[in-house]
Amino acid sequence: MAVRVLTAMTPVQRAETPVLTVGYYDVGRGPAVVLLHGFPYDIHAYADVAPMLAAAGFRVIVPYLRGCGATRFRDATVPRTAEQAALASDVIDLLDCLDLPQAVLGGFDWGARAACAAAALWPERCAGLVSAGGYAIHDLERATIPAAPERECALWYQYYLATERGRAGLTANRRELARLLWRQWSPLWRFTEAEFERTAAAFDNPDWVEVALHNYRHKLGVVPGDSRYADLARRLQGMPRIEVPAVTLDGGAHGVVPASDGSQWQAYFPCRLEHHSPRRALTCGLPPARGDQDSVKDRVCHAIGNVIGAQHSVRDKPARCPVQHAGDRLGEYLRRQ
């Protein structure tokens, strides 16, 4: 059996934002696409697709989120928080630092939350959105309302991390816990130990544990957020609509969250064009270029639909991506604006 050579996302660049020194991978030239990873993952969630997008004529920026990998807090006194307002602000701060007036945002899990929140708060900075998991902004007012027992069981790790036992467990067993979550969330993904270790190095960030704990504890209403993001948090508390063209996706092979038809989010996405729930895990390449008459936005949005479909928790590799039409529709919408 042939051994696949793993793509290394190097070199890692650094950007000084007001709060963070952001480590990010930057490849290609052209319209900007920012790809945002989740927990417990890192930039290598996009190792296969970033060079494809770059080859197609786009600038692809893949940052480590706060507390992960090469990203560091600039000030030792800044609270190690990871509420949704903070994650969104980090995205816009990075765009500012890189002198990018706009970018297409895509992400899954924490990355989808950051992308959705940034698009809701700063729609003028978001050229388009692809969100794996749909409308990912949390309704914190409902944090204490229980879900069905089956759903609560699937969220065991969040309740575990809300305890001091969970803090000790994540500190001592960060790789073991992450590996378990990968297997539970992506049961069809036969990842290798080399693939896992390529990402697991990012968990050695000195703030990884504290940032992860805060994210889930804040989501559950156990701890407050950083006061510097209080105004943004209040705006997100209203569950704002996302007024940018968007494609939403569910993982059809997700081991925890059942795929949906996306109708539950329709009111939040007045410009949404498509929702897809691929039945199997995917290997998604870029479609062939269709000629000079196509706008750049058409091509980048077509491509990013494939990107997120490939990288969300549906990761068994043999099948072909069915979400290209969603990218076409998004591109057609943008071309008419």
C-alpha atoms as a PDB file:
ATOM      1  CA  MET A   1       0.000   0.000   0.000  1.00  0.00           C
ATOM      2  CA  ALA A   2       1.355   3.414  -0.968  1.00  0.00           C
ATOM      3  CA  VAL A   3       2.193   5.738   1.892  1.00  0.00           C
ATOM      4  CA  ARG A   4       0.784   9.230   1.427  1.00  0.00           C
ATOM      5  CA  VAL A   5       3.268  12.021   2.079  1.00  0.00           C
ATOM      6  CA  LEU A   6       1.734  14.479   4.541  1.00  0.00           C
ATOM      7  CA  THR A   7       1.655  18.130   3.550  1.00  0.00           C
ATOM      8  CA  ALA A   8       3.550  20.424   5.901  1.00  0.00           C
ATOM      9  CA  MET A   9       1.978  23.867   6.274  1.00  0.00           C
ATOM     10  CA  THR A  10       5.209  25.831   6.480  1.00  0.00           C
ATOM     11  CA  PRO A  11       6.485  28.428   6.863  1.00  0.00           C
ATOM     12  CA  VAL A  12       4.244  29.840   9.570  1.00  0.00           C
ATOM     13  CA  GLN A  13       3.999  33.635   9.401  1.00  0.00           C
ATOM     14  CA  ARG A  14       3.370  35.939  12.374  1.00  0.00           C
ATOM     15  CA  ALA A  15       0.992  38.903  12.630  1.00  0.00           C
ATOM     16  CA  GLU A  16       0.789  41.269  15.605  1.00  0.00           C
ATOM     17  CA  THR A  17      -2.839  42.106  16.385  1.00  0.00           C
ATOM     18  CA  PRO A  18      -3.939  44.150  19.418  1.00  0.00           C
ATOM     19  CA  VAL A  19      -4.326  41.019  21.553  1.00  0.00           C
ATOM     20  CA  LEU A  20      -2.452  38.196  19.831  1.00  0.00           C
ATOM     21  CA  THR A  21       0.620  37.257  17.917  1.00  0.00           C
ATOM     22  CA  VAL A  22      -1.179  35.145  15.346  1.00  0.00           C
ATOM     23  CA  GLY A  23       0.626  32.276  13.686  1.00  0.00           C
ATOM     24  CA  TYR A  24      -0.806  31.631  10.247  1.00  0.00           C
ATOM     25  CA  TYR A  25      -0.109  29.850   7.005  1.00  0.00           C
ATOM     26  CA  ASP A  26      -0.292  32.081   3.950  1.00  0.00           C
ATOM     27  CA  VAL A  27      -0.118  30.720   0.429  1.00  0.00           C
ATOM     28  CA  GLY A  28      -1.080  31.988  -3.005  1.00  0.00           C
ATOM     29  CA  ARG A  29      -1.921  35.350  -4.492  1.00  0.00           C
ATOM     30  CA  GLY A  30      -5.333  36.768  -5.303  1.00  0.00           C
ATOM     31  CA  PRO A  31      -8.635  37.273  -3.489  1.00  0.00           C
ATOM     32  CA  ALA A  32      -8.393  36.303   0.169  1.00  0.00           C
ATOM     33  CA  VAL A  33      -9.907  33.188   1.717  1.00  0.00           C
ATOM     34  CA  VAL A  34      -9.572  32.708   5.485  1.00  0.00           C
ATOM     35  CA  LEU A  35     -10.047  29.134   6.717  1.00  0.00           C
ATOM     36  CA  LEU A  36     -10.702  28.617  10.425  1.00  0.00           C
ATOM     37  CA  HIS A  37     -10.206  25.337  12.267  1.00  0.00           C
ATOM     38  CA  GLY A  38     -12.029  23.901  15.259  1.00  0.00           C
ATOM     39  CA  PHE A  39     -11.216  22.058  18.491  1.00  0.00           C
ATOM     40  CA  PRO A  40      -9.252  19.869  18.925  1.00  0.00           C
ATOM     41  CA  TYR A  41      -7.747  20.512  15.483  1.00  0.00           C
ATOM     42  CA  ASP A  42      -5.320  22.983  13.949  1.00  0.00           C
ATOM     43  CA  ILE A  43      -4.372  24.515  10.607  1.00  0.00           C
ATOM     44  CA  HIS A  44      -3.602  21.090   9.131  1.00  0.00           C
ATOM     45  CA  ALA A  45      -7.330  20.468   8.797  1.00  0.00           C
ATOM     46  CA  TYR A  46      -6.770  22.379   5.525  1.00  0.00           C
ATOM     47  CA  ALA A  47      -3.399  20.915   4.524  1.00  0.00           C
ATOM     48  CA  ASP A  48      -4.728  19.240   1.373  1.00  0.00           C
ATOM     49  CA  VAL A  49      -7.017  21.970   0.111  1.00  0.00           C
ATOM     50  CA  ALA A  50      -5.044  25.157   0.814  1.00  0.00           C
ATOM     51  CA  PRO A  51      -2.551  24.461  -1.991  1.00  0.00           C
ATOM     52  CA  MET A  52      -5.425  23.619  -4.346  1.00  0.00           C
ATOM     53  CA  LEU A  53      -7.008  27.004  -3.725  1.00  0.00           C
ATOM     54  CA  ALA A  54      -3.666  28.731  -4.095  1.00  0.00           C
ATOM     55  CA  ALA A  55      -3.054  26.998  -7.405  1.00  0.00           C
ATOM     56  CA  ALA A  56      -6.467  28.211  -8.570  1.00  0.00           C
ATOM     57  CA  GLY A  57      -5.468  31.828  -8.005  1.00  0.00           C
ATOM     58  CA  PHE A  58      -6.412  32.716  -4.434  1.00  0.00           C
ATOM     59  CA  ARG A  59      -4.608  33.868  -1.349  1.00  0.00           C
ATOM     60  CA  VAL A  60      -5.330  31.331   1.373  1.00  0.00           C
ATOM     61  CA  ILE A  61      -4.792  32.314   4.999  1.00  0.00           C
ATOM     62  CA  VAL A  62      -5.116  29.650   7.685  1.00  0.00           C
ATOM     63  CA  PRO A  63      -4.541  30.997  11.213  1.00  0.00           C
ATOM     64  CA  TYR A  64      -4.063  29.095  14.408  1.00  0.00           C
ATOM     65  CA  LEU A  65      -6.912  30.123  16.690  1.00  0.00           C
ATOM     66  CA  ARG A  66      -6.115  31.661  20.062  1.00  0.00           C
ATOM     67  CA  GLY A  67      -4.512  29.169  22.411  1.00  0.00           C
ATOM     68  CA  CYS A  68      -3.465  26.853  19.600  1.00  0.00           C
ATOM     69  CA  GLY A  69      -0.170  26.180  17.867  1.00  0.00           C
ATOM     70  CA  ALA A  70       1.955  29.213  17.050  1.00  0.00           C
ATOM     71  CA  THR A  71      -0.594  31.821  18.203  1.00  0.00           C
ATOM     72  CA  ARG A  72       0.255  33.526  21.489  1.00  0.00           C
ATOM     73  CA  PHE A  73      -1.298  36.165  23.727  1.00  0.00           C
ATOM     74  CA  ARG A  74       0.841  39.290  23.682  1.00  0.00           C
ATOM     75  CA  ASP A  75       0.118  40.273  27.283  1.00  0.00           C
ATOM     76  CA  ALA A  76       0.405  37.876  30.199  1.00  0.00           C
ATOM     77  CA  THR A  77      -2.415  39.722  31.996  1.00  0.00           C
ATOM     78  CA  VAL A  78      -5.020  39.258  29.240  1.00  0.00           C
ATOM     79  CA  PRO A  79      -7.644  36.698  30.278  1.00  0.00           C
ATOM     80  CA  ARG A  80      -7.301  33.418  28.373  1.00  0.00           C
ATOM     81  CA  THR A  81     -10.857  33.454  27.067  1.00  0.00           C
ATOM     82  CA  ALA A  82     -12.418  32.021  23.918  1.00  0.00           C
ATOM     83  CA  GLU A  83     -16.000  33.288  23.820  1.00  0.00           C
ATOM     84  CA  GLN A  84     -17.544  33.697  20.382  1.00  0.00           C
ATOM     85  CA  ALA A  85     -17.132  37.484  20.404  1.00  0.00           C
ATOM     86  CA  ALA A  86     -13.409  37.102  21.053  1.00  0.00           C
ATOM     87  CA  LEU A  87     -12.980  34.558  18.253  1.00  0.00           C
ATOM     88  CA  ALA A  88     -14.820  36.827  15.829  1.00  0.00           C
ATOM     89  CA  SER A  89     -12.763  39.838  16.853  1.00  0.00           C
ATOM     90  CA  ASP A  90      -9.574  37.851  16.273  1.00  0.00           C
ATOM     91  CA  VAL A  91     -10.614  37.246  12.660  1.00  0.00           C
ATOM     92  CA  ILE A  92     -11.234  40.933  11.975  1.00  0.00           C
ATOM     93  CA  ASP A  93      -8.049  41.952  13.800  1.00  0.00           C
ATOM     94  CA  LEU A  94      -6.104  39.608  11.520  1.00  0.00           C
ATOM     95  CA  LEU A  95      -7.740  41.067   8.403  1.00  0.00           C
ATOM     96  CA  ASP A  96      -6.817  44.550   9.647  1.00  0.00           C
ATOM     97  CA  CYS A  97      -3.233  43.532  10.316  1.00  0.00           C
ATOM     98  CA  LEU A  98      -2.905  42.058   6.825  1.00  0.00           C
ATOM     99  CA  ASP A  99      -4.568  45.094   5.203  1.00  0.00           C
ATOM    100  CA  LEU A 100      -7.378  42.986   3.799  1.00  0.00           C
ATOM    101  CA  PRO A 101     -10.658  44.896   3.398  1.00  0.00           C
ATOM    102  CA  GLN A 102     -12.616  41.679   2.757  1.00  0.00           C
ATOM    103  CA  ALA A 103     -12.264  37.925   2.680  1.00  0.00           C
ATOM    104  CA  VAL A 104     -14.382  34.860   2.160  1.00  0.00           C
ATOM    105  CA  LEU A 105     -14.625  33.141   5.554  1.00  0.00           C
ATOM    106  CA  GLY A 106     -14.978  29.412   6.018  1.00  0.00           C
ATOM    107  CA  GLY A 107     -14.804  27.179   9.037  1.00  0.00           C
ATOM    108  CA  PHE A 108     -16.048  24.288  11.124  1.00  0.00           C
ATOM    109  CA  ASP A 109     -16.732  23.983  14.864  1.00  0.00           C
ATOM    110  CA  TRP A 110     -14.983  26.902  16.651  1.00  0.00           C
ATOM    111  CA  GLY A 111     -13.964  28.143  13.217  1.00  0.00           C
ATOM    112  CA  ALA A 112     -17.564  28.169  11.997  1.00  0.00           C
ATOM    113  CA  ARG A 113     -18.571  30.083  15.120  1.00  0.00           C
ATOM    114  CA  ALA A 114     -15.821  32.628  14.554  1.00  0.00           C
ATOM    115  CA  ALA A 115     -16.741  32.973  10.880  1.00  0.00           C
ATOM    116  CA  CYS A 116     -20.484  33.283  11.536  1.00  0.00           C
ATOM    117  CA  ALA A 117     -19.999  35.812  14.330  1.00  0.00           C
ATOM    118  CA  ALA A 118     -17.554  37.882  12.286  1.00  0.00           C
ATOM    119  CA  ALA A 119     -19.922  37.864   9.300  1.00  0.00           C
ATOM    120  CA  ALA A 120     -22.844  38.904  11.520  1.00  0.00           C
ATOM    121  CA  LEU A 121     -20.946  41.718  13.258  1.00  0.00           C
ATOM    122  CA  TRP A 122     -18.907  42.952  10.278  1.00  0.00           C
ATOM    123  CA  PRO A 123     -20.793  41.948   7.112  1.00  0.00           C
ATOM    124  CA  GLU A 124     -18.846  44.510   5.078  1.00  0.00           C
ATOM    125  CA  ARG A 125     -15.663  42.508   5.766  1.00  0.00           C
ATOM    126  CA  CYS A 126     -17.084  39.156   4.679  1.00  0.00           C
ATOM    127  CA  ALA A 127     -17.357  38.562   0.913  1.00  0.00           C
ATOM    128  CA  GLY A 128     -19.036  35.211   1.492  1.00  0.00           C
ATOM    129  CA  LEU A 129     -19.414  32.514   4.129  1.00  0.00           C
ATOM    130  CA  VAL A 130     -19.223  28.731   4.149  1.00  0.00           C
ATOM    131  CA  SER A 131     -20.212  27.333   7.529  1.00  0.00           C
ATOM    132  CA  ALA A 132     -19.992  23.639   8.335  1.00  0.00           C
ATOM    133  CA  GLY A 133     -22.621  23.195  11.025  1.00  0.00           C
ATOM    134  CA  GLY A 134     -24.861  25.993   9.823  1.00  0.00           C
ATOM    135  CA  TYR A 135     -25.666  28.951  12.073  1.00  0.00           C
ATOM    136  CA  ALA A 136     -22.979  28.467  14.700  1.00  0.00           C
ATOM    137  CA  ILE A 137     -23.600  31.477  16.955  1.00  0.00           C
ATOM    138  CA  HIS A 138     -24.546  30.314  20.448  1.00  0.00           C
ATOM    139  CA  ASP A 139     -27.750  31.396  22.148  1.00  0.00           C
ATOM    140  CA  LEU A 140     -26.238  31.906  25.592  1.00  0.00           C
ATOM    141  CA  GLU A 141     -29.611  32.703  27.138  1.00  0.00           C
ATOM    142  CA  ARG A 142     -30.523  29.056  26.580  1.00  0.00           C
ATOM    143  CA  ALA A 143     -27.298  27.730  28.084  1.00  0.00           C
ATOM    144  CA  THR A 144     -29.079  26.149  31.057  1.00  0.00           C
ATOM    145  CA  ILE A 145     -31.855  24.517  29.041  1.00  0.00           C
ATOM    146  CA  PRO A 146     -31.164  20.796  28.651  1.00  0.00           C
ATOM    147  CA  ALA A 147     -31.278  19.019  25.328  1.00  0.00           C
ATOM    148  CA  ALA A 148     -32.597  15.506  24.756  1.00  0.00           C
ATOM    149  CA  PRO A 149     -30.674  12.880  26.751  1.00  0.00           C
ATOM    150  CA  GLU A 150     -29.084  11.420  23.612  1.00  0.00           C
ATOM    151  CA  ARG A 151     -27.734  14.846  22.687  1.00  0.00           C
ATOM    152  CA  GLU A 152     -26.541  15.527  26.223  1.00  0.00           C
ATOM    153  CA  CYS A 153     -24.662  12.248  26.205  1.00  0.00           C
ATOM    154  CA  ALA A 154     -22.847  13.254  23.013  1.00  0.00           C
ATOM    155  CA  LEU A 155     -21.699  16.483  24.696  1.00  0.00           C
ATOM    156  CA  TRP A 156     -20.047  14.661  27.583  1.00  0.00           C
ATOM    157  CA  TYR A 157     -16.664  16.329  26.979  1.00  0.00           C
ATOM    158  CA  GLN A 158     -18.141  19.816  27.471  1.00  0.00           C
ATOM    159  CA  TYR A 159     -19.505  18.909  30.891  1.00  0.00           C
ATOM    160  CA  TYR A 160     -16.240  17.151  31.741  1.00  0.00           C
ATOM    161  CA  LEU A 161     -14.261  20.288  30.892  1.00  0.00           C
ATOM    162  CA  ALA A 162     -16.581  22.354  33.087  1.00  0.00           C
ATOM    163  CA  THR A 163     -15.099  20.573  36.135  1.00  0.00           C
ATOM    164  CA  GLU A 164     -11.708  20.792  37.799  1.00  0.00           C
ATOM    165  CA  ARG A 165     -11.356  17.065  37.168  1.00  0.00           C
ATOM    166  CA  GLY A 166     -11.720  17.929  33.481  1.00  0.00           C
ATOM    167  CA  ARG A 167      -9.001  20.577  33.770  1.00  0.00           C
ATOM    168  CA  ALA A 168      -6.641  18.009  35.267  1.00  0.00           C
ATOM    169  CA  GLY A 169      -7.644  15.419  32.676  1.00  0.00           C
ATOM    170  CA  LEU A 170      -7.147  17.729  29.702  1.00  0.00           C
ATOM    171  CA  THR A 171      -3.803  18.878  31.087  1.00  0.00           C
ATOM    172  CA  ALA A 172      -2.508  15.359  31.612  1.00  0.00           C
ATOM    173  CA  ASN A 173      -4.173  13.588  28.684  1.00  0.00           C
ATOM    174  CA  ARG A 174      -4.593  16.197  25.964  1.00  0.00           C
ATOM    175  CA  ARG A 175      -3.534  13.875  23.139  1.00  0.00           C
ATOM    176  CA  GLU A 176      -5.575  10.947  24.379  1.00  0.00           C
ATOM    177  CA  LEU A 177      -8.695  13.074  24.771  1.00  0.00           C
ATOM    178  CA  ALA A 178      -8.276  14.659  21.348  1.00  0.00           C
ATOM    179  CA  ARG A 179      -7.733  11.294  19.685  1.00  0.00           C
ATOM    180  CA  LEU A 180     -10.904   9.957  21.325  1.00  0.00           C
ATOM    181  CA  LEU A 181     -12.927  12.951  20.115  1.00  0.00           C
ATOM    182  CA  TRP A 182     -11.610  12.567  16.560  1.00  0.00           C
ATOM    183  CA  ARG A 183     -12.761   8.939  16.534  1.00  0.00           C
ATOM    184  CA  GLN A 184     -16.160   9.668  18.054  1.00  0.00           C
ATOM    185  CA  TRP A 185     -16.910  12.643  15.825  1.00  0.00           C
ATOM    186  CA  SER A 186     -15.529  11.189  12.580  1.00  0.00           C
ATOM    187  CA  PRO A 187     -16.081   7.433  12.711  1.00  0.00           C
ATOM    188  CA  LEU A 188     -15.374   6.961   8.990  1.00  0.00           C
ATOM    189  CA  TRP A 189     -12.110   8.877   9.029  1.00  0.00           C
ATOM    190  CA  ARG A 190      -9.221   6.407   9.174  1.00  0.00           C
ATOM    191  CA  PHE A 191      -6.592   8.923  10.172  1.00  0.00           C
ATOM    192  CA  THR A 192      -3.036   7.764  10.681  1.00  0.00           C
ATOM    193  CA  GLU A 193      -0.905   8.373  13.728  1.00  0.00           C
ATOM    194  CA  ALA A 194       1.261  10.679  11.630  1.00  0.00           C
ATOM    195  CA  GLU A 195      -1.795  12.752  10.693  1.00  0.00           C
ATOM    196  CA  PHE A 196      -2.827  12.991  14.306  1.00  0.00           C
ATOM    197  CA  GLU A 197       0.625  13.937  15.576  1.00  0.00           C
ATOM    198  CA  ARG A 198       0.982  16.606  12.890  1.00  0.00           C
ATOM    199  CA  THR A 199      -1.951  18.380  14.545  1.00  0.00           C
ATOM    200  CA  ALA A 200      -1.329  17.330  18.151  1.00  0.00           C
ATOM    201  CA  ALA A 201       1.841  19.417  18.321  1.00  0.00           C
ATOM    202  CA  ALA A 202      -0.469  22.457  18.370  1.00  0.00           C
ATOM    203  CA  PHE A 203      -1.929  21.274  21.685  1.00  0.00           C
ATOM    204  CA  ASP A 204       1.401  22.039  23.384  1.00  0.00           C
ATOM    205  CA  ASN A 205       0.604  25.758  23.265  1.00  0.00           C
ATOM    206  CA  PRO A 206       0.909  26.950  26.901  1.00  0.00           C
ATOM    207  CA  ASP A 207      -2.615  28.421  26.795  1.00  0.00           C
ATOM    208  CA  TRP A 208      -4.350  25.544  25.010  1.00  0.00           C
ATOM    209  CA  VAL A 209      -5.937  24.069  28.128  1.00  0.00           C
ATOM    210  CA  GLU A 210      -7.134  27.355  29.637  1.00  0.00           C
ATOM    211  CA  VAL A 211      -8.572  28.608  26.351  1.00  0.00           C
ATOM    212  CA  ALA A 212     -10.410  25.326  25.729  1.00  0.00           C
ATOM    213  CA  LEU A 213     -11.802  25.276  29.254  1.00  0.00           C
ATOM    214  CA  HIS A 214     -13.051  28.837  28.961  1.00  0.00           C
ATOM    215  CA  ASN A 215     -14.732  28.233  25.623  1.00  0.00           C
ATOM    216  CA  TYR A 216     -16.915  25.424  26.936  1.00  0.00           C
ATOM    217  CA  ARG A 217     -17.469  26.880  30.387  1.00  0.00           C
ATOM    218  CA  HIS A 218     -18.598  30.179  28.899  1.00  0.00           C
ATOM    219  CA  LYS A 219     -20.889  28.345  26.481  1.00  0.00           C
ATOM    220  CA  LEU A 220     -22.518  26.642  29.473  1.00  0.00           C
ATOM    221  CA  GLY A 221     -22.882  29.918  31.374  1.00  0.00           C
ATOM    222  CA  VAL A 222     -20.388  28.931  34.058  1.00  0.00           C
ATOM    223  CA  VAL A 223     -17.841  31.742  33.596  1.00  0.00           C
ATOM    224  CA  PRO A 224     -17.988  35.312  32.204  1.00  0.00           C
ATOM    225  CA  GLY A 225     -16.247  36.538  29.079  1.00  0.00           C
ATOM    226  CA  ASP A 226     -13.529  39.150  28.708  1.00  0.00           C
ATOM    227  CA  SER A 227     -15.000  42.601  29.311  1.00  0.00           C
ATOM    228  CA  ARG A 228     -13.249  44.028  26.249  1.00  0.00           C
ATOM    229  CA  TYR A 229     -15.689  42.032  24.092  1.00  0.00           C
ATOM    230  CA  ALA A 230     -18.811  42.820  26.142  1.00  0.00           C
ATOM    231  CA  ASP A 231     -20.438  45.052  23.521  1.00  0.00           C
ATOM    232  CA  LEU A 232     -19.841  42.536  20.756  1.00  0.00           C
ATOM    233  CA  ALA A 233     -21.177  39.780  23.000  1.00  0.00           C
ATOM    234  CA  ARG A 234     -24.382  41.752  23.616  1.00  0.00           C
ATOM    235  CA  ARG A 235     -24.891  42.147  19.876  1.00  0.00           C
ATOM    236  CA  LEU A 236     -24.414  38.435  19.337  1.00  0.00           C
ATOM    237  CA  GLN A 237     -26.825  37.667  22.156  1.00  0.00           C
ATOM    238  CA  GLY A 238     -29.620  38.890  19.905  1.00  0.00           C
ATOM    239  CA  MET A 239     -28.829  36.007  17.515  1.00  0.00           C
ATOM    240  CA  PRO A 240     -28.331  38.381  14.570  1.00  0.00           C
ATOM    241  CA  ARG A 241     -29.021  37.416  11.007  1.00  0.00           C
ATOM    242  CA  ILE A 242     -26.005  36.909   8.765  1.00  0.00           C
ATOM    243  CA  GLU A 243     -26.511  39.267   5.846  1.00  0.00           C
ATOM    244  CA  VAL A 244     -23.913  37.833   3.467  1.00  0.00           C
ATOM    245  CA  PRO A 245     -24.224  35.140   0.791  1.00  0.00           C
ATOM    246  CA  ALA A 246     -23.623  31.803   2.458  1.00  0.00           C
ATOM    247  CA  VAL A 247     -23.439  28.083   1.930  1.00  0.00           C
ATOM    248  CA  THR A 248     -24.162  25.863   4.943  1.00  0.00           C
ATOM    249  CA  LEU A 249     -23.148  22.250   5.340  1.00  0.00           C
ATOM    250  CA  ASP A 250     -23.790  19.341   7.655  1.00  0.00           C
ATOM    251  CA  GLY A 251     -21.570  16.306   7.958  1.00  0.00           C
ATOM    252  CA  GLY A 252     -23.539  13.302   6.776  1.00  0.00           C
ATOM    253  CA  ALA A 253     -21.052  10.966   8.469  1.00  0.00           C
ATOM    254  CA  HIS A 254     -20.759  12.946  11.705  1.00  0.00           C
ATOM    255  CA  GLY A 255     -20.564  10.585  14.630  1.00  0.00           C
ATOM    256  CA  VAL A 256     -22.456  12.867  17.010  1.00  0.00           C
ATOM    257  CA  VAL A 257     -24.653  15.442  15.262  1.00  0.00           C
ATOM    258  CA  PRO A 258     -27.256  14.131  12.791  1.00  0.00           C
ATOM    259  CA  ALA A 259     -27.333  15.826   9.413  1.00  0.00           C
ATOM    260  CA  SER A 260     -30.257  18.164   8.768  1.00  0.00           C
ATOM    261  CA  ASP A 261     -31.896  19.829   5.794  1.00  0.00           C
ATOM    262  CA  GLY A 262     -30.778  23.243   7.068  1.00  0.00           C
ATOM    263  CA  SER A 263     -34.307  24.578   7.414  1.00  0.00           C
ATOM    264  CA  GLN A 264     -33.808  25.396  11.102  1.00  0.00           C
ATOM    265  CA  TRP A 265     -31.301  28.098  10.122  1.00  0.00           C
ATOM    266  CA  GLN A 266     -33.104  29.612   7.166  1.00  0.00           C
ATOM    267  CA  ALA A 267     -34.295  32.697   9.045  1.00  0.00           C
ATOM    268  CA  TYR A 268     -30.722  33.502  10.076  1.00  0.00           C
ATOM    269  CA  PHE A 269     -29.367  33.408   6.508  1.00  0.00           C
ATOM    270  CA  PRO A 270     -31.504  35.672   4.293  1.00  0.00           C
ATOM    271  CA  CYS A 271     -28.837  35.426   1.570  1.00  0.00           C
ATOM    272  CA  ARG A 272     -28.157  31.705   1.935  1.00  0.00           C
ATOM    273  CA  LEU A 273     -28.152  29.900  -1.372  1.00  0.00           C
ATOM    274  CA  GLU A 274     -27.648  26.226  -0.563  1.00  0.00           C
ATOM    275  CA  HIS A 275     -27.476  23.707   2.240  1.00  0.00           C
ATOM    276  CA  HIS A 276     -25.776  20.354   1.762  1.00  0.00           C
ATOM    277  CA  SER A 277     -25.489  17.240   3.881  1.00  0.00           C
ATOM    278  CA  PRO A 278     -23.042  14.913   2.111  1.00  0.00           C
ATOM    279  CA  ARG A 279     -23.926  11.342   3.009  1.00  0.00           C
ATOM    280  CA  ARG A 280     -20.373  10.111   3.161  1.00  0.00           C
ATOM    281  CA  ALA A 281     -17.022  11.569   3.929  1.00  0.00           C
ATOM    282  CA  LEU A 282     -15.472  13.342   1.029  1.00  0.00           C
ATOM    283  CA  THR A 283     -12.398  13.964  -0.997  1.00  0.00           C
ATOM    284  CA  CYS A 284     -12.973  17.245  -2.759  1.00  0.00           C
ATOM    285  CA  GLY A 285     -10.826  18.734  -5.447  1.00  0.00           C
ATOM    286  CA  LEU A 286     -11.291  21.999  -7.232  1.00  0.00           C
ATOM    287  CA  PRO A 287     -13.483  22.079 -10.305  1.00  0.00           C
ATOM    288  CA  PRO A 288     -11.786  22.940 -13.588  1.00  0.00           C
ATOM    289  CA  ALA A 289     -11.622  26.601 -14.456  1.00  0.00           C
ATOM    290  CA  ARG A 290     -14.534  27.595 -16.686  1.00  0.00           C
ATOM    291  CA  GLY A 291     -12.963  30.488 -18.555  1.00  0.00           C
ATOM    292  CA  ASP A 292     -12.093  34.130 -18.218  1.00  0.00           C
ATOM    293  CA  GLN A 293     -15.734  35.196 -18.248  1.00  0.00           C
ATOM    294  CA  ASP A 294     -16.179  33.878 -14.725  1.00  0.00           C
ATOM    295  CA  SER A 295     -15.587  36.355 -11.945  1.00  0.00           C
ATOM    296  CA  VAL A 296     -12.923  35.716  -9.360  1.00  0.00           C
ATOM    297  CA  LYS A 297     -15.581  35.609  -6.652  1.00  0.00           C
ATOM    298  CA  ASP A 298     -17.399  32.898  -8.544  1.00  0.00           C
ATOM    299  CA  ARG A 299     -14.296  30.761  -8.630  1.00  0.00           C
ATOM    300  CA  VAL A 300     -13.284  31.314  -5.024  1.00  0.00           C
ATOM    301  CA  CYS A 301     -16.759  30.602  -3.661  1.00  0.00           C
ATOM    302  CA  HIS A 302     -17.054  27.516  -5.844  1.00  0.00           C
ATOM    303  CA  ALA A 303     -13.744  26.348  -4.431  1.00  0.00           C
ATOM    304  CA  ILE A 304     -14.499  27.109  -0.809  1.00  0.00           C
ATOM    305  CA  GLY A 305     -17.685  25.094  -0.943  1.00  0.00           C
ATOM    306  CA  ASN A 306     -15.473  22.130  -1.699  1.00  0.00           C
ATOM    307  CA  VAL A 307     -12.968  23.142   0.967  1.00  0.00           C
ATOM    308  CA  ILE A 308     -15.328  23.014   3.903  1.00  0.00           C
ATOM    309  CA  GLY A 309     -17.150  19.984   2.588  1.00  0.00           C
ATOM    310  CA  ALA A 310     -13.806  18.221   2.540  1.00  0.00           C
ATOM    311  CA  GLN A 311     -12.619  19.342   5.940  1.00  0.00           C
ATOM    312  CA  HIS A 312     -15.609  19.095   8.286  1.00  0.00           C
ATOM    313  CA  SER A 313     -15.968  15.969  10.364  1.00  0.00           C
ATOM    314  CA  VAL A 314     -16.953  13.813   7.396  1.00  0.00           C
ATOM    315  CA  ARG A 315     -13.511  12.593   6.502  1.00  0.00           C
ATOM    316  CA  ASP A 316     -13.527   9.116   4.963  1.00  0.00           C
ATOM    317  CA  LYS A 317     -11.502   9.803   1.826  1.00  0.00           C
ATOM    318  CA  PRO A 318     -12.752   7.728  -1.143  1.00  0.00           C
ATOM    319  CA  ALA A 319     -15.895   9.580  -2.228  1.00  0.00           C
ATOM    320  CA  ARG A 320     -16.209  12.639  -4.486  1.00  0.00           C
ATOM    321  CA  CYS A 321     -17.537  16.000  -3.303  1.00  0.00           C
ATOM    322  CA  PRO A 322     -21.178  16.785  -4.257  1.00  0.00           C
ATOM    323  CA  VAL A 323     -21.251  20.410  -3.066  1.00  0.00           C
ATOM    324  CA  GLN A 324     -19.809  22.104  -6.142  1.00  0.00           C
ATOM    325  CA  HIS A 325     -23.229  23.328  -7.266  1.00  0.00           C
ATOM    326  CA  ALA A 326     -23.604  25.244  -4.006  1.00  0.00           C
ATOM    327  CA  GLY A 327     -20.392  27.088  -4.758  1.00  0.00           C
ATOM    328  CA  ASP A 328     -21.662  27.861  -8.263  1.00  0.00           C
ATOM    329  CA  ARG A 329     -24.856  29.336  -6.850  1.00  0.00           C
ATOM    330  CA  LEU A 330     -22.912  31.442  -4.357  1.00  0.00           C
ATOM    331  CA  GLY A 331     -20.664  32.689  -7.115  1.00  0.00           C
ATOM    332  CA  GLU A 332     -23.628  33.524  -9.329  1.00  0.00           C
ATOM    333  CA  TYR A 333     -25.174  35.559  -6.529  1.00  0.00           C
ATOM    334  CA  LEU A 334     -21.957  37.487  -5.897  1.00  0.00           C
ATOM    335  CA  ARG A 335     -21.459  38.105  -9.612  1.00  0.00           C
ATOM    336  CA  ARG A 336     -24.860  39.816  -9.790  1.00  0.00           C
ATOM    337  CA  GLN A 337     -24.054  42.239  -6.944  1.00  0.00           C
END
